[in-house]
Amino acid sequence: MTINKVSYSRLTVTEVEEFLKNPPAGFSVETLGSGYRVRSDPEKSLVLIDDFNSCRGRIVFENSLGRKVEMHNLWEYTSMRKSLLSKRIYLLMSACKEDFSATNKKANSVTTVLKQFVVSIDGNDPFVKWQMEKGLDWTISSVAGESYRVDVSRTFLSVVYVTFMQSNVFLLIEKWP
């Protein structure tokens, strides 16, 4: 049995192919000769996805900030915090298989991407907001007076994990890049 889309009020998980065929409200997909261009409304959604290659070609997310967002002052941090806590957030996650070499050393392992998903999280949901506020508060207090880079992925990882566990869907994550 294949699940193309798993949806909860605070979280949706959609296979990339399904996302491209039937984009959510506020998104449009343009087919290009070499892949796809995905447009979104930055006022309503916060896309944190780097451009990537799939079996269907290169997928480019316009208006995406990418996976890593750097903030150099308090104004930038405050602006990012407001976006994270008020918009629907879109991330790319991959289900991978790691094959170890004959010597069983992790250094010699090969990771194969089995399937890719677009995960959408409601940053305005009370539970999600509470989880993210905790991580963001800790981050700002630990780097006061410095330039900062918030590792958004780790905050989301805990939110996604807890959400899946509450929904009786199990998610095993061994390694986070």
N, C-alpha and C. Protein backbone atom coordinates (compact mmCIF):
# COMPACT_ATOMS: atom_id res chain seq x y z
N MET A 1 0.84 -1.18 0.00
CA MET A 1 0.00 0.00 0.00
C MET A 1 0.89 1.24 0.00
N THR A 2 0.61 2.16 -0.89
CA THR A 2 1.38 3.39 -0.99
C THR A 2 0.53 4.55 -0.49
N ILE A 3 1.13 5.36 0.34
CA ILE A 3 0.44 6.55 0.83
C ILE A 3 1.04 7.74 0.10
N ASN A 4 0.25 8.42 -0.72
CA ASN A 4 0.75 9.59 -1.45
C ASN A 4 0.72 10.84 -0.59
N LYS A 5 -0.24 10.91 0.31
CA LYS A 5 -0.38 12.12 1.10
C LYS A 5 -0.90 11.75 2.49
N VAL A 6 -0.20 12.20 3.51
CA VAL A 6 -0.66 12.04 4.88
C VAL A 6 -0.95 13.44 5.37
N SER A 7 -2.14 13.66 5.92
CA SER A 7 -2.52 15.01 6.30
C SER A 7 -3.09 15.06 7.71
N TYR A 8 -2.64 16.03 8.45
CA TYR A 8 -3.15 16.33 9.78
C TYR A 8 -3.30 17.83 9.82
N SER A 9 -4.00 18.34 10.80
CA SER A 9 -4.23 19.78 10.83
C SER A 9 -2.93 20.57 10.92
N ARG A 10 -1.95 20.06 11.63
CA ARG A 10 -0.71 20.81 11.79
C ARG A 10 0.39 20.36 10.83
N LEU A 11 0.20 19.24 10.14
CA LEU A 11 1.26 18.68 9.33
C LEU A 11 0.70 17.95 8.12
N THR A 12 1.33 18.14 6.95
CA THR A 12 1.01 17.32 5.79
C THR A 12 2.32 16.77 5.23
N VAL A 13 2.26 15.56 4.73
CA VAL A 13 3.40 14.92 4.09
C VAL A 13 2.92 14.48 2.72
N THR A 14 3.55 15.01 1.67
CA THR A 14 3.11 14.74 0.30
C THR A 14 4.32 14.30 -0.53
N GLU A 15 4.17 13.22 -1.29
CA GLU A 15 5.24 12.81 -2.19
C GLU A 15 5.49 13.94 -3.19
N VAL A 16 6.74 14.14 -3.57
CA VAL A 16 7.10 15.23 -4.48
C VAL A 16 6.30 15.15 -5.77
N GLU A 17 6.15 13.95 -6.33
CA GLU A 17 5.40 13.79 -7.58
C GLU A 17 3.96 14.28 -7.43
N GLU A 18 3.33 13.95 -6.32
CA GLU A 18 1.96 14.38 -6.06
C GLU A 18 1.91 15.89 -5.86
N PHE A 19 2.89 16.45 -5.18
CA PHE A 19 2.97 17.89 -4.94
C PHE A 19 3.05 18.63 -6.28
N LEU A 20 3.83 18.09 -7.22
CA LEU A 20 3.97 18.73 -8.53
C LEU A 20 2.70 18.62 -9.36
N LYS A 21 2.00 17.49 -9.27
CA LYS A 21 0.76 17.29 -10.02
C LYS A 21 -0.39 18.11 -9.45
N ASN A 22 -0.49 18.15 -8.12
CA ASN A 22 -1.58 18.84 -7.43
C ASN A 22 -1.02 19.73 -6.33
N PRO A 23 -0.45 20.87 -6.70
CA PRO A 23 0.13 21.74 -5.67
C PRO A 23 -0.93 22.28 -4.72
N PRO A 24 -0.54 22.53 -3.47
CA PRO A 24 -1.50 23.09 -2.51
C PRO A 24 -1.88 24.52 -2.87
N ALA A 25 -2.91 25.01 -2.21
CA ALA A 25 -3.36 26.40 -2.43
C ALA A 25 -2.19 27.35 -2.19
N GLY A 26 -2.05 28.34 -3.05
CA GLY A 26 -0.98 29.32 -2.93
C GLY A 26 0.27 28.93 -3.69
N PHE A 27 0.29 27.74 -4.33
CA PHE A 27 1.44 27.29 -5.11
C PHE A 27 1.02 27.10 -6.56
N SER A 28 1.95 27.30 -7.46
CA SER A 28 1.74 26.97 -8.87
C SER A 28 3.00 26.28 -9.37
N VAL A 29 2.82 25.37 -10.31
CA VAL A 29 3.94 24.61 -10.85
C VAL A 29 3.99 24.82 -12.36
N GLU A 30 5.16 25.21 -12.83
CA GLU A 30 5.38 25.43 -14.27
C GLU A 30 6.32 24.33 -14.76
N THR A 31 5.91 23.63 -15.82
CA THR A 31 6.75 22.60 -16.41
C THR A 31 7.75 23.25 -17.35
N LEU A 32 9.01 22.94 -17.16
CA LEU A 32 10.09 23.46 -18.00
C LEU A 32 10.66 22.29 -18.80
N GLY A 33 11.48 22.57 -19.77
CA GLY A 33 12.11 21.50 -20.54
C GLY A 33 12.98 20.60 -19.69
N SER A 34 13.59 21.18 -18.67
CA SER A 34 14.54 20.43 -17.84
C SER A 34 14.00 20.10 -16.45
N GLY A 35 12.75 20.38 -16.19
CA GLY A 35 12.20 20.10 -14.86
C GLY A 35 10.99 20.95 -14.55
N TYR A 36 10.97 21.52 -13.34
CA TYR A 36 9.81 22.27 -12.87
C TYR A 36 10.24 23.52 -12.12
N ARG A 37 9.41 24.55 -12.21
CA ARG A 37 9.55 25.75 -11.40
C ARG A 37 8.32 25.82 -10.51
N VAL A 38 8.54 25.89 -9.20
CA VAL A 38 7.45 25.95 -8.23
C VAL A 38 7.42 27.36 -7.65
N ARG A 39 6.28 28.02 -7.79
CA ARG A 39 6.11 29.37 -7.25
C ARG A 39 5.18 29.31 -6.04
N SER A 40 5.45 30.18 -5.09
CA SER A 40 4.60 30.25 -3.90
C SER A 40 4.41 31.71 -3.49
N ASP A 41 3.44 31.94 -2.65
CA ASP A 41 3.17 33.27 -2.14
C ASP A 41 3.95 33.45 -0.83
N PRO A 42 5.00 34.27 -0.83
CA PRO A 42 5.81 34.42 0.38
C PRO A 42 5.08 35.09 1.54
N GLU A 43 3.93 35.68 1.28
CA GLU A 43 3.15 36.27 2.37
C GLU A 43 2.41 35.21 3.17
N LYS A 44 2.15 34.06 2.55
CA LYS A 44 1.36 33.02 3.21
C LYS A 44 2.17 31.79 3.58
N SER A 45 3.30 31.58 2.90
CA SER A 45 4.07 30.37 3.16
C SER A 45 5.56 30.69 3.26
N LEU A 46 6.26 29.87 4.02
CA LEU A 46 7.70 29.99 4.19
C LEU A 46 8.32 28.71 3.65
N VAL A 47 8.96 28.81 2.49
CA VAL A 47 9.54 27.64 1.85
C VAL A 47 11.02 27.59 2.18
N LEU A 48 11.45 26.47 2.76
CA LEU A 48 12.84 26.27 3.16
C LEU A 48 13.38 25.04 2.43
N ILE A 49 13.37 25.11 1.10
CA ILE A 49 13.78 23.98 0.27
C ILE A 49 14.80 24.47 -0.74
N ASP A 50 15.93 23.79 -0.82
CA ASP A 50 16.92 24.07 -1.85
C ASP A 50 16.45 23.46 -3.17
N ASP A 51 16.92 24.01 -4.28
CA ASP A 51 16.66 23.39 -5.58
C ASP A 51 17.27 22.00 -5.55
N PHE A 52 16.64 21.03 -6.23
CA PHE A 52 17.17 19.67 -6.22
C PHE A 52 16.80 18.94 -7.51
N ASN A 53 17.51 17.85 -7.76
CA ASN A 53 17.25 17.00 -8.91
C ASN A 53 16.42 15.81 -8.46
N SER A 54 15.44 15.47 -9.28
CA SER A 54 14.64 14.28 -9.02
C SER A 54 14.60 13.48 -10.31
N CYS A 55 13.90 12.35 -10.27
CA CYS A 55 13.78 11.54 -11.48
C CYS A 55 13.01 12.29 -12.57
N ARG A 56 12.29 13.34 -12.20
CA ARG A 56 11.51 14.14 -13.16
C ARG A 56 12.25 15.40 -13.63
N GLY A 57 13.50 15.55 -13.23
CA GLY A 57 14.29 16.71 -13.65
C GLY A 57 14.61 17.62 -12.48
N ARG A 58 15.13 18.79 -12.79
CA ARG A 58 15.51 19.79 -11.77
C ARG A 58 14.25 20.49 -11.26
N ILE A 59 14.12 20.56 -9.95
CA ILE A 59 12.98 21.23 -9.34
C ILE A 59 13.49 22.49 -8.63
N VAL A 60 12.98 23.63 -9.06
CA VAL A 60 13.41 24.92 -8.54
C VAL A 60 12.24 25.55 -7.79
N PHE A 61 12.47 25.92 -6.54
CA PHE A 61 11.46 26.59 -5.72
C PHE A 61 11.78 28.08 -5.69
N GLU A 62 10.99 28.87 -6.41
CA GLU A 62 11.17 30.32 -6.36
C GLU A 62 10.70 30.82 -5.00
N ASN A 63 11.27 31.89 -4.54
CA ASN A 63 10.93 32.51 -3.24
C ASN A 63 11.29 31.62 -2.05
N SER A 64 12.11 30.59 -2.27
CA SER A 64 12.54 29.76 -1.16
C SER A 64 13.80 30.34 -0.55
N LEU A 65 13.89 30.30 0.77
CA LEU A 65 15.09 30.77 1.46
C LEU A 65 16.17 29.69 1.50
N GLY A 66 15.82 28.47 1.14
CA GLY A 66 16.77 27.36 1.20
C GLY A 66 16.78 26.74 2.58
N ARG A 67 17.58 25.69 2.73
CA ARG A 67 17.62 24.94 4.00
C ARG A 67 18.33 25.69 5.10
N LYS A 68 19.28 26.53 4.76
CA LYS A 68 20.04 27.24 5.79
C LYS A 68 19.76 28.73 5.68
N VAL A 69 19.33 29.29 6.79
CA VAL A 69 19.00 30.71 6.83
C VAL A 69 19.91 31.37 7.86
N GLU A 70 20.67 32.36 7.44
CA GLU A 70 21.55 33.07 8.36
C GLU A 70 20.97 34.43 8.70
N MET A 71 21.07 34.77 9.98
CA MET A 71 20.61 36.06 10.46
C MET A 71 21.80 36.76 11.09
N HIS A 72 21.99 38.02 10.74
CA HIS A 72 23.17 38.73 11.20
C HIS A 72 22.87 39.79 12.26
N ASN A 73 21.61 40.03 12.53
CA ASN A 73 21.28 41.01 13.56
C ASN A 73 19.91 40.68 14.15
N LEU A 74 19.55 41.40 15.18
CA LEU A 74 18.31 41.13 15.90
C LEU A 74 17.08 41.37 15.03
N TRP A 75 17.13 42.36 14.14
CA TRP A 75 15.99 42.63 13.26
C TRP A 75 15.73 41.44 12.35
N GLU A 76 16.79 40.87 11.75
CA GLU A 76 16.64 39.71 10.86
C GLU A 76 16.10 38.51 11.65
N TYR A 77 16.62 38.31 12.85
CA TYR A 77 16.14 37.21 13.70
C TYR A 77 14.65 37.38 14.02
N THR A 78 14.26 38.58 14.41
CA THR A 78 12.87 38.85 14.76
C THR A 78 11.94 38.64 13.56
N SER A 79 12.38 39.07 12.40
CA SER A 79 11.59 38.89 11.19
C SER A 79 11.43 37.40 10.86
N MET A 80 12.51 36.64 10.95
CA MET A 80 12.44 35.19 10.69
C MET A 80 11.57 34.50 11.72
N ARG A 81 11.70 34.89 12.95
CA ARG A 81 10.88 34.29 14.02
C ARG A 81 9.40 34.52 13.74
N LYS A 82 9.05 35.74 13.34
CA LYS A 82 7.66 36.05 13.04
C LYS A 82 7.14 35.18 11.90
N SER A 83 7.95 35.00 10.86
CA SER A 83 7.55 34.14 9.74
C SER A 83 7.38 32.69 10.17
N LEU A 84 8.32 32.19 10.94
CA LEU A 84 8.25 30.80 11.40
C LEU A 84 7.01 30.53 12.24
N LEU A 85 6.63 31.51 13.04
CA LEU A 85 5.53 31.31 13.98
C LEU A 85 4.17 31.73 13.44
N SER A 86 4.10 32.15 12.18
CA SER A 86 2.81 32.61 11.66
C SER A 86 2.44 32.04 10.29
N LYS A 87 3.36 31.39 9.62
CA LYS A 87 3.10 30.91 8.26
C LYS A 87 3.12 29.39 8.19
N ARG A 88 2.65 28.87 7.09
CA ARG A 88 2.78 27.45 6.80
C ARG A 88 4.20 27.26 6.25
N ILE A 89 4.94 26.30 6.79
CA ILE A 89 6.34 26.10 6.48
C ILE A 89 6.48 24.83 5.64
N TYR A 90 7.26 24.92 4.56
CA TYR A 90 7.45 23.80 3.65
C TYR A 90 8.91 23.37 3.66
N LEU A 91 9.13 22.06 3.86
CA LEU A 91 10.47 21.48 3.91
C LEU A 91 10.52 20.26 2.99
N LEU A 92 11.71 19.88 2.58
CA LEU A 92 11.90 18.67 1.79
C LEU A 92 12.51 17.63 2.71
N MET A 93 11.92 16.44 2.73
CA MET A 93 12.48 15.32 3.49
C MET A 93 12.61 14.13 2.56
N SER A 94 13.62 13.32 2.81
CA SER A 94 13.86 12.15 1.98
C SER A 94 13.88 10.90 2.82
N ALA A 95 13.29 9.84 2.29
CA ALA A 95 13.40 8.51 2.89
C ALA A 95 14.59 7.86 2.22
N CYS A 96 15.58 7.46 3.02
CA CYS A 96 16.83 6.96 2.47
C CYS A 96 17.15 5.56 2.98
N LYS A 97 17.97 4.88 2.22
CA LYS A 97 18.48 3.57 2.60
C LYS A 97 19.99 3.69 2.60
N GLU A 98 20.61 3.24 3.68
CA GLU A 98 22.05 3.33 3.79
C GLU A 98 22.63 1.92 3.66
N ASP A 99 23.47 1.72 2.65
CA ASP A 99 24.13 0.44 2.43
C ASP A 99 25.57 0.55 2.90
N PHE A 100 25.93 -0.36 3.81
CA PHE A 100 27.29 -0.35 4.34
C PHE A 100 28.19 -1.22 3.48
N SER A 101 29.48 -0.89 3.45
CA SER A 101 30.44 -1.69 2.69
C SER A 101 30.67 -3.02 3.40
N ALA A 102 31.44 -3.88 2.80
CA ALA A 102 31.72 -5.20 3.37
C ALA A 102 32.38 -5.10 4.73
N THR A 103 33.11 -4.04 4.98
CA THR A 103 33.78 -3.87 6.27
C THR A 103 32.86 -3.26 7.31
N ASN A 104 31.63 -2.91 6.88
CA ASN A 104 30.61 -2.35 7.77
C ASN A 104 31.04 -1.04 8.43
N LYS A 105 31.79 -0.24 7.71
CA LYS A 105 32.20 1.06 8.23
C LYS A 105 31.28 2.12 7.69
N LYS A 106 30.83 2.99 8.56
CA LYS A 106 29.94 4.07 8.14
C LYS A 106 30.60 4.99 7.13
N ALA A 107 31.90 5.16 7.22
CA ALA A 107 32.61 6.05 6.31
C ALA A 107 32.50 5.56 4.86
N ASN A 108 32.34 4.25 4.67
CA ASN A 108 32.26 3.68 3.33
C ASN A 108 30.82 3.41 2.89
N SER A 109 29.87 3.93 3.60
CA SER A 109 28.48 3.64 3.28
C SER A 109 27.99 4.49 2.11
N VAL A 110 26.98 3.96 1.42
CA VAL A 110 26.35 4.66 0.30
C VAL A 110 24.89 4.88 0.67
N THR A 111 24.43 6.11 0.57
CA THR A 111 23.04 6.43 0.90
C THR A 111 22.26 6.59 -0.39
N THR A 112 21.14 5.88 -0.46
CA THR A 112 20.27 5.93 -1.63
C THR A 112 18.95 6.58 -1.22
N VAL A 113 18.52 7.58 -1.98
CA VAL A 113 17.23 8.22 -1.72
C VAL A 113 16.14 7.34 -2.32
N LEU A 114 15.22 6.88 -1.48
CA LEU A 114 14.13 6.02 -1.94
C LEU A 114 12.93 6.84 -2.41
N LYS A 115 12.59 7.87 -1.67
CA LYS A 115 11.44 8.70 -1.99
C LYS A 115 11.63 10.06 -1.34
N GLN A 116 11.10 11.10 -1.99
CA GLN A 116 11.20 12.44 -1.45
C GLN A 116 9.80 12.97 -1.17
N PHE A 117 9.69 13.75 -0.09
CA PHE A 117 8.42 14.28 0.36
C PHE A 117 8.53 15.77 0.63
N VAL A 118 7.44 16.49 0.39
CA VAL A 118 7.33 17.86 0.83
C VAL A 118 6.51 17.81 2.12
N VAL A 119 7.11 18.30 3.19
CA VAL A 119 6.45 18.32 4.50
C VAL A 119 6.02 19.75 4.76
N SER A 120 4.77 19.90 5.12
CA SER A 120 4.21 21.21 5.41
C SER A 120 3.80 21.24 6.87
N ILE A 121 4.25 22.27 7.57
CA ILE A 121 3.95 22.40 9.00
C ILE A 121 3.31 23.75 9.24
N ASP A 122 2.22 23.75 9.99
CA ASP A 122 1.52 24.99 10.33
C ASP A 122 2.23 25.66 11.49
N GLY A 123 3.03 26.69 11.18
CA GLY A 123 3.78 27.40 12.21
C GLY A 123 2.90 28.14 13.19
N ASN A 124 1.64 28.34 12.85
CA ASN A 124 0.71 29.05 13.72
C ASN A 124 -0.08 28.09 14.63
N ASP A 125 0.07 26.78 14.44
CA ASP A 125 -0.60 25.81 15.30
C ASP A 125 -0.03 25.95 16.72
N PRO A 126 -0.88 25.96 17.75
CA PRO A 126 -0.39 26.19 19.13
C PRO A 126 0.71 25.23 19.57
N PHE A 127 0.60 23.95 19.25
CA PHE A 127 1.62 22.98 19.67
C PHE A 127 2.93 23.24 18.93
N VAL A 128 2.86 23.43 17.63
CA VAL A 128 4.05 23.68 16.81
C VAL A 128 4.71 24.98 17.26
N LYS A 129 3.89 26.01 17.45
CA LYS A 129 4.40 27.32 17.87
C LYS A 129 5.15 27.21 19.20
N TRP A 130 4.57 26.47 20.14
CA TRP A 130 5.19 26.29 21.45
C TRP A 130 6.54 25.59 21.32
N GLN A 131 6.61 24.53 20.50
CA GLN A 131 7.86 23.80 20.30
C GLN A 131 8.93 24.71 19.67
N MET A 132 8.54 25.43 18.65
CA MET A 132 9.51 26.30 17.97
C MET A 132 9.94 27.46 18.85
N GLU A 133 9.01 28.05 19.60
CA GLU A 133 9.37 29.15 20.49
C GLU A 133 10.42 28.71 21.50
N LYS A 134 10.28 27.50 22.03
CA LYS A 134 11.28 26.98 22.98
C LYS A 134 12.67 26.95 22.34
N GLY A 135 12.76 26.39 21.14
CA GLY A 135 14.04 26.31 20.46
C GLY A 135 14.59 27.67 20.08
N LEU A 136 13.73 28.55 19.61
CA LEU A 136 14.17 29.88 19.21
C LEU A 136 14.59 30.71 20.43
N ASP A 137 13.87 30.58 21.55
CA ASP A 137 14.24 31.30 22.77
C ASP A 137 15.61 30.84 23.27
N TRP A 138 15.84 29.53 23.23
CA TRP A 138 17.13 29.01 23.67
C TRP A 138 18.23 29.53 22.77
N THR A 139 17.99 29.54 21.47
CA THR A 139 19.00 29.98 20.51
C THR A 139 19.36 31.44 20.74
N ILE A 140 18.37 32.31 20.86
CA ILE A 140 18.66 33.74 21.00
C ILE A 140 19.37 34.03 22.31
N SER A 141 19.04 33.32 23.37
CA SER A 141 19.69 33.58 24.65
C SER A 141 21.13 33.09 24.65
N SER A 142 21.44 32.09 23.84
CA SER A 142 22.80 31.55 23.84
C SER A 142 23.75 32.30 22.92
N VAL A 143 23.23 33.14 22.04
CA VAL A 143 24.11 33.84 21.09
C VAL A 143 23.94 35.35 21.13
N ALA A 144 23.44 35.88 22.22
CA ALA A 144 23.21 37.32 22.32
C ALA A 144 24.47 38.09 21.97
N GLY A 145 24.33 39.08 21.09
CA GLY A 145 25.44 39.92 20.71
C GLY A 145 26.30 39.36 19.58
N GLU A 146 25.93 38.21 19.01
CA GLU A 146 26.71 37.59 17.95
C GLU A 146 25.85 37.47 16.69
N SER A 147 26.50 37.13 15.57
CA SER A 147 25.74 36.73 14.38
C SER A 147 25.26 35.31 14.63
N TYR A 148 24.10 34.98 14.14
CA TYR A 148 23.56 33.68 14.46
C TYR A 148 23.05 32.95 13.23
N ARG A 149 23.08 31.65 13.34
CA ARG A 149 22.46 30.79 12.34
C ARG A 149 21.58 29.82 13.11
N VAL A 150 20.30 29.89 12.90
CA VAL A 150 19.37 29.01 13.59
C VAL A 150 19.24 27.74 12.77
N ASP A 151 19.45 26.60 13.41
CA ASP A 151 19.30 25.33 12.73
C ASP A 151 17.82 24.95 12.77
N VAL A 152 17.10 25.48 11.81
CA VAL A 152 15.66 25.27 11.75
C VAL A 152 15.33 23.79 11.65
N SER A 153 16.15 23.03 10.94
CA SER A 153 15.87 21.62 10.71
C SER A 153 15.73 20.84 12.01
N ARG A 154 16.54 21.12 12.99
CA ARG A 154 16.46 20.36 14.25
C ARG A 154 15.17 20.69 15.01
N THR A 155 14.75 21.93 14.98
CA THR A 155 13.49 22.29 15.62
C THR A 155 12.34 21.57 14.94
N PHE A 156 12.34 21.59 13.60
CA PHE A 156 11.27 20.92 12.87
C PHE A 156 11.31 19.43 13.04
N LEU A 157 12.52 18.87 13.13
CA LEU A 157 12.64 17.43 13.30
C LEU A 157 11.91 16.98 14.54
N SER A 158 12.06 17.70 15.65
CA SER A 158 11.37 17.31 16.87
C SER A 158 9.86 17.50 16.73
N VAL A 159 9.43 18.56 16.06
CA VAL A 159 7.99 18.79 15.86
C VAL A 159 7.41 17.69 14.99
N VAL A 160 8.09 17.36 13.89
CA VAL A 160 7.60 16.32 12.99
C VAL A 160 7.57 14.98 13.71
N TYR A 161 8.61 14.66 14.45
CA TYR A 161 8.68 13.39 15.16
C TYR A 161 7.54 13.26 16.17
N VAL A 162 7.35 14.28 16.98
CA VAL A 162 6.28 14.24 17.98
C VAL A 162 4.92 14.14 17.30
N THR A 163 4.71 14.88 16.23
CA THR A 163 3.43 14.84 15.53
C THR A 163 3.16 13.46 14.97
N PHE A 164 4.16 12.84 14.36
CA PHE A 164 3.98 11.50 13.84
C PHE A 164 3.68 10.51 14.97
N MET A 165 4.37 10.63 16.08
CA MET A 165 4.16 9.71 17.20
C MET A 165 2.74 9.86 17.74
N GLN A 166 2.23 11.08 17.81
CA GLN A 166 0.88 11.30 18.31
C GLN A 166 -0.15 10.71 17.36
N SER A 167 0.20 10.57 16.10
CA SER A 167 -0.73 10.07 15.09
C SER A 167 -0.54 8.59 14.82
N ASN A 168 0.24 7.91 15.65
CA ASN A 168 0.53 6.49 15.49
C ASN A 168 1.21 6.17 14.17
N VAL A 169 1.95 7.11 13.63
CA VAL A 169 2.78 6.88 12.45
C VAL A 169 4.21 6.97 12.95
N PHE A 170 5.02 5.96 12.66
CA PHE A 170 6.35 5.93 13.21
C PHE A 170 7.37 6.41 12.20
N LEU A 171 8.29 7.21 12.67
CA LEU A 171 9.30 7.82 11.83
C LEU A 171 10.65 7.53 12.46
N LEU A 172 11.53 6.87 11.72
CA LEU A 172 12.85 6.56 12.23
C LEU A 172 13.87 7.40 11.50
N ILE A 173 14.60 8.18 12.23
CA ILE A 173 15.62 9.04 11.64
C ILE A 173 16.93 8.72 12.33
N GLU A 174 17.87 8.19 11.58
CA GLU A 174 19.17 7.84 12.14
C GLU A 174 20.16 8.96 12.05
N LYS A 175 20.10 9.72 10.95
CA LYS A 175 21.13 10.72 10.70
C LYS A 175 20.49 11.95 10.10
N TRP A 176 20.88 13.12 10.55
CA TRP A 176 20.37 14.38 10.01
C TRP A 176 21.56 15.16 9.50
N PRO A 177 21.55 15.52 8.19
CA PRO A 177 22.73 16.21 7.64
C PRO A 177 22.97 17.57 8.27
